[in-house]
Amino acid sequence: MNFEDRIRQILLSLEPGEVVTYGEVAAQAGRPGAARAVGNYLRKSVGVPWWRVVASSGRLCPG
């Protein structure tokens, strides 16, 4: 399973109302420090709950 597949799996496993940071997703997917790569993946993906991913400050990122 590649990095993008792991991101997708992590986000699809979130419970309703649960949010995570870009950094948490990157770390759980096996690439700590790759928060920007998570954002890039979400920008081009369809069918992934992107609205559940927030900045490390807890704020939504402009997009």
C-alpha atoms as a PDB file:
ATOM      1  CA  MET A   1       0.000   0.000   0.000  1.00  0.00           C
ATOM      2  CA  ASN A   2       1.473   3.368  -0.974  1.00  0.00           C
ATOM      3  CA  PHE A   3       1.395   6.643   0.963  1.00  0.00           C
ATOM      4  CA  GLU A   4      -1.706   7.988  -0.800  1.00  0.00           C
ATOM      5  CA  ASP A   5      -3.610   4.747  -0.226  1.00  0.00           C
ATOM      6  CA  ARG A   6      -2.745   4.941   3.476  1.00  0.00           C
ATOM      7  CA  ILE A   7      -3.976   8.563   3.645  1.00  0.00           C
ATOM      8  CA  ARG A   8      -7.267   7.527   2.057  1.00  0.00           C
ATOM      9  CA  GLN A   9      -7.665   4.591   4.446  1.00  0.00           C
ATOM     10  CA  ILE A  10      -6.951   6.769   7.496  1.00  0.00           C
ATOM     11  CA  LEU A  11      -9.476   9.423   6.491  1.00  0.00           C
ATOM     12  CA  LEU A  12     -12.193   6.943   5.588  1.00  0.00           C
ATOM     13  CA  SER A  13     -11.795   5.299   9.007  1.00  0.00           C
ATOM     14  CA  LEU A  14     -12.539   8.510  10.943  1.00  0.00           C
ATOM     15  CA  GLU A  15     -15.715   8.541  13.004  1.00  0.00           C
ATOM     16  CA  PRO A  16     -18.363  11.225  12.401  1.00  0.00           C
ATOM     17  CA  GLY A  17     -17.283  14.462  14.077  1.00  0.00           C
ATOM     18  CA  GLU A  18     -13.650  13.373  14.415  1.00  0.00           C
ATOM     19  CA  VAL A  19     -10.915  15.583  12.955  1.00  0.00           C
ATOM     20  CA  VAL A  20      -7.151  15.160  12.528  1.00  0.00           C
ATOM     21  CA  THR A  21      -4.299  17.435  11.527  1.00  0.00           C
ATOM     22  CA  TYR A  22      -2.348  17.142   8.304  1.00  0.00           C
ATOM     23  CA  GLY A  23       0.687  16.172  10.384  1.00  0.00           C
ATOM     24  CA  GLU A  24      -1.188  13.458  12.265  1.00  0.00           C
ATOM     25  CA  VAL A  25      -2.355  11.933   8.996  1.00  0.00           C
ATOM     26  CA  ALA A  26       1.182  12.038   7.588  1.00  0.00           C
ATOM     27  CA  ALA A  27       2.611  10.377  10.705  1.00  0.00           C
ATOM     28  CA  GLN A  28      -0.076   7.687  10.766  1.00  0.00           C
ATOM     29  CA  ALA A  29       0.563   7.038   7.067  1.00  0.00           C
ATOM     30  CA  GLY A  30       4.245   6.420   7.802  1.00  0.00           C
ATOM     31  CA  ARG A  31       5.769   9.724   6.692  1.00  0.00           C
ATOM     32  CA  PRO A  32       6.100  12.087   9.659  1.00  0.00           C
ATOM     33  CA  GLY A  33       6.829  15.588   8.453  1.00  0.00           C
ATOM     34  CA  ALA A  34       4.928  15.140   5.192  1.00  0.00           C
ATOM     35  CA  ALA A  35       1.920  17.273   6.145  1.00  0.00           C
ATOM     36  CA  ARG A  36       2.149  19.275   2.924  1.00  0.00           C
ATOM     37  CA  ALA A  37       2.031  16.055   0.883  1.00  0.00           C
ATOM     38  CA  VAL A  38      -1.227  15.178   2.664  1.00  0.00           C
ATOM     39  CA  GLY A  39      -2.639  18.571   1.661  1.00  0.00           C
ATOM     40  CA  ASN A  40      -1.556  18.077  -1.943  1.00  0.00           C
ATOM     41  CA  TYR A  41      -3.207  14.670  -2.022  1.00  0.00           C
ATOM     42  CA  LEU A  42      -6.458  16.061  -0.610  1.00  0.00           C
ATOM     43  CA  ARG A  43      -6.466  18.903  -3.134  1.00  0.00           C
ATOM     44  CA  LYS A  44      -6.618  16.473  -6.058  1.00  0.00           C
ATOM     45  CA  SER A  45      -8.716  13.695  -4.511  1.00  0.00           C
ATOM     46  CA  VAL A  46     -12.405  12.960  -4.890  1.00  0.00           C
ATOM     47  CA  GLY A  47     -14.467  11.033  -2.366  1.00  0.00           C
ATOM     48  CA  VAL A  48     -12.146  11.631   0.574  1.00  0.00           C
ATOM     49  CA  PRO A  49     -13.459  13.533   3.632  1.00  0.00           C
ATOM     50  CA  TRP A  50     -11.039  16.464   3.304  1.00  0.00           C
ATOM     51  CA  TRP A  51     -13.171  18.578   5.650  1.00  0.00           C
ATOM     52  CA  ARG A  52     -12.007  16.457   8.583  1.00  0.00           C
ATOM     53  CA  VAL A  53      -8.388  17.547   8.209  1.00  0.00           C
ATOM     54  CA  VAL A  54      -7.314  20.754   9.943  1.00  0.00           C
ATOM     55  CA  ALA A  55      -4.115  22.722  10.465  1.00  0.00           C
ATOM     56  CA  SER A  56      -2.012  22.051  13.552  1.00  0.00           C
ATOM     57  CA  SER A  57      -3.616  25.119  15.134  1.00  0.00           C
ATOM     58  CA  GLY A  58      -7.019  23.455  14.772  1.00  0.00           C
ATOM     59  CA  ARG A  59      -8.143  25.920  12.129  1.00  0.00           C
ATOM     60  CA  LEU A  60      -9.393  25.143   8.661  1.00  0.00           C
ATOM     61  CA  CYS A  61      -6.934  25.869   5.883  1.00  0.00           C
ATOM     62  CA  PRO A  62      -7.983  28.176   3.061  1.00  0.00           C
ATOM     63  CA  GLY A  63      -8.444  26.340  -0.133  1.00  0.00           C
END
